[in-house]
């Protein structure tokens, strides 16, 4: 029999619960949370515990139904494709919402605890978990209007009376609300008692949960506990910054939101100590890293949202100054935290994370260049009623082009792989979007079909067509897939690429992004250099006495004092044993 939660943990949880609900603490809900946690702990205790994260870990971001095959559920197809194309260089899969939904490609959840029947079932999820660590999306801010909770709310069921937030549209204080959309904040619904206006941060089909009601918090905490029971080793807290609403404030980053994350971290530390909480907050960098808390009490990882736009800026300007300056100051508050590094995802490239890093003029120039390359722009509403660019909706490969001087496909592939070499060499846990991993282009036809900018990067594909294209070594997909797999294969064998291994960034040349990763046990250093320019560049090696070799090169060559980089080339160099 496994012992119950420790008294220390219970006291911490009680203190946090009291902070969240100083005036309306529902201690029955609190006790129900503890009971569910202890039941979950009993179930997990008999299962084998995962190994800690290390340099062999990398994440694939994908939809459950990304690959289609006639007569087969997509989750089975995904497992087959993942084993053939990504394993073992990819250790983990971030499954974007695979639950029943009504819109937004899964982020309007109609049932948190079911697998969409078109995709497969929980056995398919368990089968995936036998070969890969899994990340589940916890869409905790809102549900679909079709969710049972919301329907019971509308029908006047007293059990769900305060599950969602209503407000008076004439309340002037609503203008203070900060949100990443230019759509109406409130949506009109017909309830049992008449017309009501419900808070909808993201869309009219995504109704915001009311966390000021402790029973909502109890329900959602139960969902997270079920996710770890079903095999999640990572919990991604979607849009978490907007969780707590309080009219008269900006309704973003409120203290109660941080306390809720701290509660979940404290709870999981005993129930599933291997499980990692990852916060998704597409906001300016300093606000983003606040979700690390003190380094021990909040998110284990935060999305490194400034990295994608900074790398895009570097590609488009062929100048690494801003990327180098930012990366030089990058740090986490403890060895219990790490950045979740990525370049592309199912969403676009956020602009807000680089406000304060790039100037407004430089951001506008980047937006213009991406638009000229076929990218789209999504806007957010500001408190003063104006709009500003929030997100670049563009396929990352397409963004490698030059709107002023068209590049060959080979040059674009060079830029693309060098950008990903930066991603894979930096301190933290790297994640690659599935369309990047297989060298896709943007899906403009999809945008025309849905009217949603984000569709440009969400095309679902026929598995056999992708596998056939990967078999063609002369094609774009094969060149990108093999280039990324080569880097991943090297990375997983080098302890210097451990997510927490030391990183030193230096400006060796404004055309070059250079950093050193250091294995603390062996003191073995990897010198990573990335040429973002169209020029041939010579870079001075850190040690001019010993010989160096390129881990990524298939050629037997060694370097002393200087190393040559062709246009858009990258090298990962170590001292030669010879």
Protein backbone atom coordinates (compact mmCIF):
# COMPACT_ATOMS: atom_id res chain seq x y z
CA UNK A 1 0.00 0.00 0.00
CA UNK A 2 1.42 3.38 -1.04
CA UNK A 3 1.43 6.01 1.66
CA UNK A 4 -0.90 9.02 1.23
CA UNK A 5 0.29 12.48 0.29
CA UNK A 6 2.75 13.84 2.82
CA UNK A 7 1.61 16.27 5.47
CA UNK A 8 4.06 18.86 4.11
CA UNK A 9 2.53 18.62 0.64
CA UNK A 10 -1.00 18.82 2.04
CA UNK A 11 -0.13 21.95 3.99
CA UNK A 12 1.42 23.58 0.91
CA UNK A 13 -1.65 22.73 -1.11
CA UNK A 14 -3.95 24.06 1.61
CA UNK A 15 -1.99 27.32 1.75
CA UNK A 16 -2.20 27.73 -2.03
CA UNK A 17 -5.91 26.89 -2.06
CA UNK A 18 -6.48 29.51 0.62
CA UNK A 19 -4.53 32.07 -1.46
CA UNK A 20 -6.64 31.31 -4.54
CA UNK A 21 -9.92 31.40 -2.61
CA UNK A 22 -9.44 33.66 0.42
CA UNK A 23 -13.18 34.32 0.83
CA UNK A 24 -14.96 31.35 -0.74
CA UNK A 25 -12.71 28.36 -0.14
CA UNK A 26 -14.73 25.20 -0.74
CA UNK A 27 -12.96 22.69 1.48
CA UNK A 28 -15.12 19.84 0.26
CA UNK A 29 -13.72 20.47 -3.26
CA UNK A 30 -10.23 20.57 -1.76
CA UNK A 31 -10.73 17.21 -0.06
CA UNK A 32 -12.07 15.74 -3.30
CA UNK A 33 -8.88 16.87 -5.06
CA UNK A 34 -6.74 15.19 -2.40
CA UNK A 35 -8.73 11.95 -2.66
CA UNK A 36 -8.39 11.86 -6.45
CA UNK A 37 -4.66 12.62 -6.17
CA UNK A 38 -4.09 9.78 -3.72
CA UNK A 39 -6.10 7.35 -5.86
CA UNK A 40 -4.06 8.36 -8.92
CA UNK A 41 -0.82 7.98 -6.97
CA UNK A 42 -1.79 4.40 -6.03
CA UNK A 43 -2.38 3.54 -9.69
CA UNK A 44 0.87 5.11 -10.93
CA UNK A 45 3.01 3.61 -8.17
CA UNK A 46 2.84 0.12 -9.68
CA UNK A 47 4.02 1.35 -13.09
CA UNK A 48 7.65 1.68 -14.14
CA UNK A 49 9.01 5.21 -13.73
CA UNK A 50 10.42 7.04 -16.79
CA UNK A 51 14.09 7.95 -16.97
CA UNK A 52 15.09 11.60 -16.47
CA UNK A 53 15.39 13.83 -19.53
CA UNK A 54 18.79 14.03 -21.21
CA UNK A 55 20.43 14.88 -24.55
CA UNK A 56 18.63 12.00 -26.27
CA UNK A 57 15.29 13.74 -25.79
CA UNK A 58 13.62 15.72 -28.55
CA UNK A 59 9.92 16.34 -29.15
CA UNK A 60 7.80 16.05 -32.29
CA UNK A 61 4.77 18.39 -32.32
CA UNK A 62 1.93 16.83 -34.30
CA UNK A 63 -1.79 16.35 -34.64
CA UNK A 64 -3.19 12.92 -33.85
CA UNK A 65 -4.68 12.77 -37.35
CA UNK A 66 -1.67 14.28 -39.12
CA UNK A 67 -1.18 11.25 -41.37
CA UNK A 68 -4.06 9.54 -43.14
CA UNK A 69 -4.27 6.00 -44.50
CA UNK A 70 -7.37 4.34 -45.90
CA UNK A 71 -9.09 1.91 -43.56
CA UNK A 72 -6.95 2.80 -40.55
CA UNK A 73 -7.49 5.11 -37.58
CA UNK A 74 -5.03 8.05 -37.71
CA UNK A 75 -3.45 7.28 -34.32
CA UNK A 76 -2.37 3.88 -35.61
CA UNK A 77 -1.03 5.52 -38.77
CA UNK A 78 0.83 8.08 -36.68
CA UNK A 79 2.55 5.35 -34.68
CA UNK A 80 3.63 3.58 -37.87
CA UNK A 81 4.95 6.76 -39.51
CA UNK A 82 6.67 7.89 -36.30
CA UNK A 83 8.49 4.58 -35.92
CA UNK A 84 9.57 4.63 -39.57
CA UNK A 85 10.58 8.28 -39.90
CA UNK A 86 11.38 9.67 -36.45
CA UNK A 87 12.31 6.94 -33.96
CA UNK A 88 14.71 6.83 -32.11
CA UNK A 89 15.97 10.37 -32.81
CA UNK A 90 12.64 11.72 -31.62
CA UNK A 91 11.92 10.51 -28.09
CA UNK A 92 8.68 12.34 -27.35
CA UNK A 93 5.48 13.28 -29.14
CA UNK A 94 3.40 16.31 -28.31
CA UNK A 95 -0.09 15.22 -29.33
CA UNK A 96 -2.10 18.34 -30.07
CA UNK A 97 -5.66 18.02 -28.70
CA UNK A 98 -6.97 14.59 -29.66
CA UNK A 99 -10.28 14.89 -27.80
CA UNK A 100 -13.74 15.41 -29.35
CA UNK A 101 -13.93 19.05 -30.48
CA UNK A 102 -16.02 21.47 -32.52
CA UNK A 103 -13.51 24.01 -33.93
CA UNK A 104 -9.95 25.38 -33.94
CA UNK A 105 -8.46 22.02 -34.93
CA UNK A 106 -8.99 20.58 -31.48
CA UNK A 107 -8.67 23.56 -29.15
CA UNK A 108 -12.42 23.80 -28.64
CA UNK A 109 -12.77 20.69 -26.49
CA UNK A 110 -16.16 19.01 -26.14
CA UNK A 111 -14.98 16.21 -23.84
CA UNK A 112 -11.65 16.32 -21.98
CA UNK A 113 -11.51 12.61 -21.15
CA UNK A 114 -12.32 10.93 -24.46
CA UNK A 115 -10.28 10.28 -27.56
CA UNK A 116 -11.93 11.59 -30.71
CA UNK A 117 -13.53 8.46 -32.18
CA UNK A 118 -12.36 9.37 -35.67
CA UNK A 119 -8.75 9.27 -34.42
CA UNK A 120 -8.72 6.06 -32.36
CA UNK A 121 -9.03 5.25 -28.69
CA UNK A 122 -7.10 5.20 -25.41
CA UNK A 123 -5.43 1.93 -26.39
CA UNK A 124 -3.87 3.75 -29.36
CA UNK A 125 -2.56 6.38 -26.96
CA UNK A 126 -1.10 3.64 -24.74
CA UNK A 127 0.53 2.05 -27.80
CA UNK A 128 2.21 5.34 -28.66
CA UNK A 129 3.45 5.67 -25.09
CA UNK A 130 5.32 2.35 -25.35
CA UNK A 131 7.84 3.96 -27.72
CA UNK A 132 7.56 7.68 -27.02
CA UNK A 133 7.11 10.00 -24.07
CA UNK A 134 3.80 11.79 -24.55
CA UNK A 135 2.75 15.39 -24.05
CA UNK A 136 -0.97 16.04 -23.65
CA UNK A 137 -2.58 19.40 -24.26
CA UNK A 138 -4.53 20.66 -21.25
CA UNK A 139 -6.89 23.22 -22.79
CA UNK A 140 -7.74 24.60 -19.38
CA UNK A 141 -8.92 28.12 -20.23
CA UNK A 142 -12.11 27.25 -22.09
CA UNK A 143 -14.39 24.54 -23.43
CA UNK A 144 -16.45 24.16 -26.56
CA UNK A 145 -19.98 25.51 -26.41
CA UNK A 146 -20.99 21.90 -27.08
CA UNK A 147 -19.35 20.66 -23.88
CA UNK A 148 -21.83 19.08 -21.46
CA UNK A 149 -20.80 21.55 -18.74
CA UNK A 150 -21.76 24.55 -20.87
CA UNK A 151 -25.02 23.02 -22.02
CA UNK A 152 -25.98 22.33 -18.41
CA UNK A 153 -24.91 25.89 -17.53
CA UNK A 154 -27.28 27.26 -20.18
CA UNK A 155 -30.10 25.00 -19.03
CA UNK A 156 -29.91 26.40 -15.51
CA UNK A 157 -28.54 23.27 -13.82
CA UNK A 158 -27.58 24.59 -10.35
CA UNK A 159 -24.53 22.31 -10.24
CA UNK A 160 -23.08 24.26 -13.19
CA UNK A 161 -24.50 27.69 -12.38
CA UNK A 162 -21.15 29.47 -12.03
CA UNK A 163 -18.99 27.32 -14.34
CA UNK A 164 -18.65 30.08 -16.94
CA UNK A 165 -18.22 33.85 -16.83
CA UNK A 166 -20.92 36.33 -17.78
CA UNK A 167 -20.58 40.10 -17.95
CA UNK A 168 -22.48 43.22 -18.93
CA UNK A 169 -21.35 44.36 -22.41
CA UNK A 170 -21.79 47.99 -21.35
CA UNK A 171 -19.19 47.68 -18.58
CA UNK A 172 -16.43 50.11 -19.62
CA UNK A 173 -13.84 48.18 -17.63
CA UNK A 174 -13.94 45.36 -20.18
CA UNK A 175 -11.83 47.58 -22.43
CA UNK A 176 -8.90 46.97 -20.09
CA UNK A 177 -8.83 43.27 -20.88
CA UNK A 178 -5.68 42.15 -22.75
CA UNK A 179 -6.24 39.33 -25.19
CA UNK A 180 -4.68 37.92 -28.37
CA UNK A 181 -7.67 38.44 -30.62
CA UNK A 182 -9.53 41.25 -32.35
CA UNK A 183 -12.90 39.46 -31.98
CA UNK A 184 -15.67 40.45 -29.51
CA UNK A 185 -14.83 39.54 -25.91
CA UNK A 186 -18.42 38.57 -25.04
CA UNK A 187 -20.72 36.28 -26.99
CA UNK A 188 -24.49 36.27 -26.69
CA UNK A 189 -26.26 33.03 -25.73
CA UNK A 190 -29.83 32.09 -24.93
CA UNK A 191 -30.04 30.61 -21.45
CA UNK A 192 -33.00 29.23 -19.51
CA UNK A 193 -33.43 32.65 -17.90
CA UNK A 194 -32.94 34.75 -21.03
CA UNK A 195 -30.11 36.33 -23.02
CA UNK A 196 -26.68 36.25 -21.36
CA UNK A 197 -23.25 37.45 -22.50
CA UNK A 198 -20.49 34.89 -21.94
CA UNK A 199 -16.74 35.55 -21.84
CA UNK A 200 -15.04 34.17 -24.95
CA UNK A 201 -11.37 35.14 -25.03
CA UNK A 202 -10.54 33.29 -28.24
CA UNK A 203 -13.72 32.69 -30.27
CA UNK A 204 -17.48 32.41 -29.99
CA UNK A 205 -17.13 28.61 -29.83
CA UNK A 206 -14.62 28.72 -26.95
CA UNK A 207 -16.32 29.71 -23.69
CA UNK A 208 -14.06 30.59 -20.77
CA UNK A 209 -14.25 28.57 -17.56
CA UNK A 210 -14.82 30.43 -14.30
CA UNK A 211 -11.97 29.51 -11.98
CA UNK A 212 -13.32 31.76 -9.23
CA UNK A 213 -15.68 28.82 -8.67
CA UNK A 214 -13.66 26.20 -6.69
CA UNK A 215 -15.70 23.41 -8.28
CA UNK A 216 -14.31 24.35 -11.71
CA UNK A 217 -10.81 24.16 -10.26
CA UNK A 218 -11.64 20.75 -8.76
CA UNK A 219 -12.93 19.46 -12.10
CA UNK A 220 -9.91 20.67 -14.08
CA UNK A 221 -7.42 19.39 -11.51
CA UNK A 222 -9.12 16.02 -11.90
CA UNK A 223 -8.61 16.23 -15.66
CA UNK A 224 -4.86 16.79 -15.21
CA UNK A 225 -4.63 13.83 -12.82
CA UNK A 226 -6.41 11.67 -15.38
CA UNK A 227 -3.97 12.78 -18.06
CA UNK A 228 -0.95 11.54 -16.12
CA UNK A 229 -2.86 8.33 -15.37
CA UNK A 230 -3.43 7.90 -19.13
CA UNK A 231 0.28 8.24 -19.84
CA UNK A 232 1.17 11.93 -20.12
CA UNK A 233 4.74 12.74 -19.05
CA UNK A 234 4.35 16.37 -20.11
CA UNK A 235 1.28 18.55 -19.49
CA UNK A 236 1.06 21.59 -21.77
CA UNK A 237 -1.04 24.32 -20.18
CA UNK A 238 -2.58 26.00 -23.21
CA UNK A 239 -3.19 29.78 -23.08
CA UNK A 240 -2.61 29.66 -19.33
CA UNK A 241 -1.85 33.39 -18.97
CA UNK A 242 -5.55 34.25 -19.41
CA UNK A 243 -6.91 31.70 -16.92
CA UNK A 244 -8.16 33.98 -14.12
CA UNK A 245 -10.52 36.84 -14.93
CA UNK A 246 -11.26 39.81 -12.73
CA UNK A 247 -13.17 42.69 -14.26
CA UNK A 248 -11.25 45.90 -13.68
CA UNK A 249 -7.88 44.29 -14.48
CA UNK A 250 -6.08 43.25 -17.67
CA UNK A 251 -7.07 39.61 -16.93
CA UNK A 252 -3.60 38.37 -17.88
CA UNK A 253 -0.86 37.02 -15.55
CA UNK A 254 -3.03 37.54 -12.48
CA UNK A 255 -1.62 36.17 -9.19
CA UNK A 256 -4.35 33.53 -8.97
CA UNK A 257 -3.15 32.06 -12.27
CA UNK A 258 0.35 31.62 -10.87
CA UNK A 259 -1.02 30.10 -7.65
CA UNK A 260 -3.09 27.61 -9.63
CA UNK A 261 -0.02 26.47 -11.58
CA UNK A 262 1.91 26.22 -8.32
CA UNK A 263 -0.88 24.09 -6.86
CA UNK A 264 -0.76 21.72 -9.84
CA UNK A 265 3.04 21.50 -9.67
CA UNK A 266 2.98 20.77 -5.94
CA UNK A 267 0.32 18.09 -6.43
CA UNK A 268 2.11 16.38 -9.33
CA UNK A 269 5.43 16.43 -7.48
CA UNK A 270 4.08 13.62 -5.31
CA UNK A 271 1.51 11.98 -7.56
CA UNK A 272 3.73 11.80 -10.68
CA UNK A 273 7.14 13.32 -9.89
CA UNK A 274 8.37 12.63 -13.43
CA UNK A 275 5.58 14.70 -15.03
CA UNK A 276 6.58 18.10 -16.38
CA UNK A 277 4.33 21.16 -16.53
CA UNK A 278 4.94 23.34 -19.59
CA UNK A 279 3.33 26.77 -19.82
CA UNK A 280 2.29 28.21 -23.18
CA UNK A 281 2.29 32.00 -22.83
CA UNK A 282 2.83 33.87 -26.09
CA UNK A 283 3.81 37.15 -24.44
CA UNK A 284 6.91 39.38 -24.14
CA UNK A 285 9.93 37.43 -22.92
CA UNK A 286 10.17 38.79 -19.39
CA UNK A 287 6.48 38.08 -18.79
CA UNK A 288 6.92 34.61 -20.25
CA UNK A 289 9.75 33.57 -17.92
CA UNK A 290 7.75 34.70 -14.88
CA UNK A 291 6.01 31.32 -15.15
CA UNK A 292 9.18 29.61 -13.90
CA UNK A 293 8.22 31.05 -10.50
CA UNK A 294 11.16 30.74 -8.12
CA UNK A 295 12.55 27.84 -10.13
CA UNK A 296 11.11 25.18 -7.84
CA UNK A 297 7.42 25.94 -7.47
CA UNK A 298 5.84 26.65 -10.86
CA UNK A 299 6.41 25.52 -14.47
CA UNK A 300 9.16 23.00 -15.15
CA UNK A 301 9.45 24.45 -18.66
CA UNK A 302 8.18 27.46 -20.55
CA UNK A 303 7.84 27.79 -24.29
CA UNK A 304 10.79 29.83 -25.54
CA UNK A 305 8.55 32.11 -27.59
CA UNK A 306 11.20 34.70 -28.42
CA UNK A 307 13.35 32.16 -30.28
CA UNK A 308 11.22 31.73 -33.47
CA UNK A 309 10.85 35.44 -34.34
CA UNK A 310 14.48 36.15 -33.45
CA UNK A 311 15.69 33.34 -35.69
CA UNK A 312 13.40 34.60 -38.48
CA UNK A 313 14.79 38.11 -38.01
CA UNK A 314 18.32 36.69 -38.16
CA UNK A 315 17.56 34.79 -41.36
CA UNK A 316 15.97 37.80 -43.02
CA UNK A 317 18.68 40.30 -42.03
CA UNK A 318 21.64 37.88 -42.18
CA UNK A 319 22.71 39.45 -38.91
CA UNK A 320 22.93 37.61 -35.60
CA UNK A 321 23.41 40.61 -33.30
CA UNK A 322 19.98 40.52 -31.62
CA UNK A 323 19.82 36.74 -31.40
CA UNK A 324 23.30 36.63 -29.85
CA UNK A 325 22.60 39.40 -27.34
CA UNK A 326 19.33 37.77 -26.24
CA UNK A 327 20.77 34.24 -26.03
CA UNK A 328 23.76 35.50 -24.04
CA UNK A 329 21.42 36.64 -21.26
CA UNK A 330 19.17 33.58 -21.40
CA UNK A 331 18.91 31.79 -18.09
CA UNK A 332 16.50 29.84 -15.93
CA UNK A 333 16.13 30.24 -12.15
CA UNK A 334 17.21 26.70 -11.21
CA UNK A 335 18.39 23.34 -12.49
CA UNK A 336 14.81 22.15 -12.10
CA UNK A 337 13.69 24.32 -15.02
CA UNK A 338 14.43 24.50 -18.74
CA UNK A 339 13.27 26.23 -21.89
CA UNK A 340 11.06 24.37 -24.33
CA UNK A 341 12.76 25.46 -27.56
CA UNK A 342 10.93 25.47 -30.88
CA UNK A 343 10.81 27.35 -34.19
CA UNK A 344 7.46 26.34 -35.70
CA UNK A 345 4.20 24.94 -34.43
CA UNK A 346 0.53 24.49 -35.31
CA UNK A 347 0.16 28.21 -34.58
CA UNK A 348 2.19 30.96 -36.15
CA UNK A 349 5.31 32.85 -35.11
CA UNK A 350 4.43 35.19 -32.26
CA UNK A 351 5.42 38.85 -32.48
CA UNK A 352 4.78 39.90 -28.87
CA UNK A 353 7.70 37.89 -27.44
CA UNK A 354 10.24 40.14 -29.18
CA UNK A 355 8.68 43.44 -28.22
CA UNK A 356 11.39 45.09 -26.17
CA UNK A 357 14.07 43.00 -27.89
CA UNK A 358 13.57 44.26 -31.45
CA UNK A 359 12.47 47.82 -32.13
CA UNK A 360 8.96 48.50 -33.47
CA UNK A 361 10.52 49.45 -36.80
CA UNK A 362 12.43 46.17 -37.02
CA UNK A 363 9.29 44.21 -36.14
CA UNK A 364 7.34 46.05 -38.86
CA UNK A 365 10.11 45.31 -41.37
CA UNK A 366 10.02 41.61 -40.46
CA UNK A 367 6.23 41.52 -40.83
CA UNK A 368 6.48 43.15 -44.26
CA UNK A 369 9.15 40.72 -45.48
CA UNK A 370 7.14 37.70 -44.36
CA UNK A 371 4.02 39.05 -46.06
CA UNK A 372 6.00 39.44 -49.30
CA UNK A 373 6.95 35.75 -48.98
CA UNK A 374 3.29 34.75 -48.84
CA UNK A 375 2.86 34.80 -45.08
CA UNK A 376 -0.23 36.12 -43.33
CA UNK A 377 -0.63 38.27 -40.23
CA UNK A 378 -3.06 37.86 -37.32
CA UNK A 379 -3.90 40.85 -35.13
CA UNK A 380 -4.83 41.41 -31.51
CA UNK A 381 -7.05 44.04 -29.95
CA UNK A 382 -5.41 46.68 -27.73
CA UNK A 383 -7.07 48.37 -24.72
CA UNK A 384 -7.26 51.67 -26.65
CA UNK A 385 -9.31 49.99 -29.39
CA UNK A 386 -6.46 49.76 -31.91
CA UNK A 387 -5.02 46.59 -33.45
CA UNK A 388 -1.44 45.39 -33.66
CA UNK A 389 0.28 42.40 -35.28
CA UNK A 390 0.19 39.42 -32.94
CA UNK A 391 1.34 36.49 -35.04
CA UNK A 392 2.94 35.68 -38.39
CA UNK A 393 1.09 32.81 -40.02
CA UNK A 394 3.66 31.28 -42.31
CA UNK A 395 5.19 27.92 -43.03
CA UNK A 396 8.70 28.08 -41.58
CA UNK A 397 10.38 26.79 -44.74
CA UNK A 398 8.58 29.40 -46.85
CA UNK A 399 9.89 32.06 -44.43
CA UNK A 400 13.45 31.13 -45.41
CA UNK A 401 13.07 32.95 -48.73
CA UNK A 402 14.36 36.39 -49.65
CA UNK A 403 11.63 38.72 -50.96
CA UNK A 404 14.20 40.99 -52.61
CA UNK A 405 16.45 38.39 -54.25
CA UNK A 406 14.83 34.99 -54.81
CA UNK A 407 16.82 32.03 -53.55
CA UNK A 408 17.19 28.55 -54.98
CA UNK A 409 15.53 25.70 -53.12
CA UNK A 410 18.98 24.47 -52.08
CA UNK A 411 19.75 27.85 -50.50
CA UNK A 412 16.43 27.82 -48.66
CA UNK A 413 17.14 24.31 -47.39
CA UNK A 414 20.54 25.53 -46.19
CA UNK A 415 18.93 28.41 -44.28
CA UNK A 416 16.25 26.09 -42.88
CA UNK A 417 18.69 23.48 -41.59
CA UNK A 418 20.98 26.13 -40.11
CA UNK A 419 18.03 27.67 -38.28
CA UNK A 420 17.22 24.23 -36.86
CA UNK A 421 20.85 23.63 -35.96
CA UNK A 422 20.50 26.64 -33.64
CA UNK A 423 17.34 25.12 -32.16
CA UNK A 424 19.02 21.76 -31.58
CA UNK A 425 22.24 23.16 -30.14
CA UNK A 426 20.72 25.50 -27.55
CA UNK A 427 20.28 24.72 -23.88
CA UNK A 428 16.83 23.30 -23.16
CA UNK A 429 14.52 20.69 -24.67
CA UNK A 430 14.09 20.99 -28.47
CA UNK A 431 10.77 20.46 -30.24
CA UNK A 432 10.24 20.22 -34.01
CA UNK A 433 6.89 20.69 -35.69
CA UNK A 434 5.93 17.76 -37.89
CA UNK A 435 5.69 19.91 -41.04
CA UNK A 436 9.23 21.14 -40.41
CA UNK A 437 10.49 17.61 -39.82
CA UNK A 438 9.23 16.50 -43.23
CA UNK A 439 9.91 19.68 -45.18
CA UNK A 440 6.36 20.81 -45.98
CA UNK A 441 5.35 24.04 -47.69
CA UNK A 442 2.52 26.36 -46.70
CA UNK A 443 -1.09 25.35 -47.40
CA UNK A 444 -2.69 28.47 -48.88
CA UNK A 445 -5.60 26.42 -50.24
CA UNK A 446 -6.48 25.46 -46.66
CA UNK A 447 -6.71 29.10 -45.62
CA UNK A 448 -9.14 29.70 -48.47
CA UNK A 449 -11.22 26.75 -47.29
CA UNK A 450 -11.41 27.67 -43.60
CA UNK A 451 -10.89 31.43 -43.61
CA UNK A 452 -8.42 30.93 -40.72
CA UNK A 453 -4.84 32.14 -41.13
CA UNK A 454 -3.42 29.37 -38.96
CA UNK A 455 -4.63 26.74 -41.41
CA UNK A 456 -1.61 27.61 -43.56
CA UNK A 457 0.49 25.36 -41.35
CA UNK A 458 -2.07 22.66 -40.46
CA UNK A 459 -2.44 20.52 -43.57
CA UNK A 460 -3.14 16.81 -42.97
CA UNK A 461 -1.26 14.46 -45.28
CA UNK A 462 -1.58 11.05 -46.91
CA UNK A 463 0.96 8.82 -45.17
CA UNK A 464 1.99 6.87 -48.28
CA UNK A 465 2.66 10.04 -50.26
CA UNK A 466 4.92 11.42 -47.54
CA UNK A 467 6.79 8.12 -47.16
CA UNK A 468 7.31 7.94 -50.93
CA UNK A 469 8.66 11.51 -51.06
CA UNK A 470 11.06 10.78 -48.20
CA UNK A 471 12.38 7.87 -50.28
CA UNK A 472 13.41 10.27 -53.07
CA UNK A 473 16.87 11.56 -52.00
CA UNK A 474 16.77 14.39 -54.54
CA UNK A 475 13.55 15.88 -53.16
CA UNK A 476 13.03 18.66 -50.66
CA UNK A 477 11.31 16.49 -48.07
CA UNK A 478 14.10 13.91 -48.08
CA UNK A 479 16.87 16.49 -47.84
CA UNK A 480 15.28 18.23 -44.87
CA UNK A 481 14.26 14.99 -43.14
CA UNK A 482 17.74 13.49 -43.51
CA UNK A 483 19.45 16.74 -42.46
CA UNK A 484 17.37 17.04 -39.29
CA UNK A 485 17.77 13.36 -38.46
CA UNK A 486 21.53 13.67 -38.87
CA UNK A 487 21.64 16.49 -36.31
CA UNK A 488 19.29 14.67 -33.93
CA UNK A 489 21.38 11.51 -34.18
CA UNK A 490 24.57 13.38 -33.31
CA UNK A 491 22.86 15.37 -30.56
CA UNK A 492 21.53 12.36 -28.68
CA UNK A 493 25.05 10.93 -28.28
CA UNK A 494 26.69 14.12 -26.98
CA UNK A 495 26.28 14.79 -23.25
CA UNK A 496 27.18 18.44 -23.91
CA UNK A 497 23.67 18.77 -25.40
CA UNK A 498 21.97 17.74 -22.17
CA UNK A 499 19.05 20.16 -21.59
CA UNK A 500 20.84 21.60 -18.55
CA UNK A 501 24.46 21.50 -19.77
CA UNK A 502 26.33 24.81 -19.68
CA UNK A 503 25.95 27.19 -22.60
CA UNK A 504 28.25 30.06 -23.55
CA UNK A 505 27.20 32.38 -26.37
CA UNK A 506 29.59 34.81 -27.99
CA UNK A 507 29.52 37.21 -30.93
CA UNK A 508 32.30 35.91 -33.17
CA UNK A 509 31.01 37.69 -36.27
CA UNK A 510 27.65 39.36 -36.90
CA UNK A 511 27.00 36.83 -39.67
CA UNK A 512 27.61 33.91 -37.30
CA UNK A 513 25.66 32.62 -34.32
CA UNK A 514 28.16 30.79 -32.15
CA UNK A 515 27.88 29.00 -28.84
CA UNK A 516 29.74 26.41 -26.80
CA UNK A 517 27.96 23.59 -24.97
CA UNK A 518 29.95 21.90 -22.22
CA UNK A 519 29.55 18.44 -20.70
CA UNK A 520 30.23 19.05 -17.00
CA UNK A 521 31.34 15.46 -16.36
CA UNK A 522 33.92 15.01 -19.11
CA UNK A 523 34.56 18.72 -19.77
CA UNK A 524 34.06 17.93 -23.46
CA UNK A 525 33.01 21.03 -25.36
CA UNK A 526 31.01 21.30 -28.59
CA UNK A 527 31.58 24.53 -30.51
CA UNK A 528 28.47 25.23 -32.59
CA UNK A 529 28.73 27.80 -35.36
CA UNK A 530 25.94 28.81 -37.74
CA UNK A 531 26.44 31.00 -40.79
CA UNK A 532 23.29 33.00 -41.57
CA UNK A 533 24.85 34.91 -44.44
CA UNK A 534 25.38 34.37 -48.16
CA UNK A 535 29.11 34.86 -47.59
CA UNK A 536 31.88 32.38 -47.01
CA UNK A 537 33.11 33.06 -43.47
CA UNK A 538 36.16 31.93 -41.53
CA UNK A 539 35.70 31.55 -37.78
CA UNK A 540 38.47 31.37 -35.20
CA UNK A 541 38.36 28.21 -33.10
CA UNK A 542 38.30 28.46 -29.29
CA UNK A 543 41.58 26.53 -29.07
CA UNK A 544 44.13 27.25 -31.79
CA UNK A 545 46.54 24.52 -30.65
CA UNK A 546 44.47 21.35 -30.87
CA UNK A 547 42.72 19.96 -33.91
CA UNK A 548 38.95 20.09 -34.28
CA UNK A 549 36.52 17.96 -36.26
CA UNK A 550 32.94 18.53 -37.39
CA UNK A 551 30.50 16.05 -35.86
CA UNK A 552 28.03 16.71 -38.68
CA UNK A 553 30.42 16.18 -41.57
CA UNK A 554 30.73 12.92 -43.44
CA UNK A 555 34.20 13.97 -44.60
CA UNK A 556 37.37 13.13 -42.71
CA UNK A 557 38.77 16.59 -42.12
CA UNK A 558 40.31 18.43 -39.20
CA UNK A 559 40.75 22.12 -38.45
CA UNK A 560 43.27 24.16 -36.55
CA UNK A 561 42.95 27.85 -35.67
CA UNK A 562 40.24 28.61 -38.28
CA UNK A 563 37.21 26.81 -39.66
CA UNK A 564 35.53 27.67 -42.95
CA UNK A 565 31.77 28.05 -43.25
CA UNK A 566 30.10 28.14 -46.64
CA UNK A 567 26.96 30.29 -47.10
CA UNK A 568 24.17 29.08 -44.77
CA UNK A 569 26.36 26.31 -43.37
CA UNK A 570 26.53 25.14 -39.77
CA UNK A 571 29.10 23.02 -37.96
CA UNK A 572 29.24 21.34 -34.55
CA UNK A 573 32.92 21.01 -33.70
CA UNK A 574 34.78 19.01 -31.05
CA UNK A 575 38.45 18.58 -30.38
CA UNK A 576 39.84 15.66 -32.33
CA UNK A 577 41.29 12.74 -30.40
CA UNK A 578 44.09 12.30 -32.97
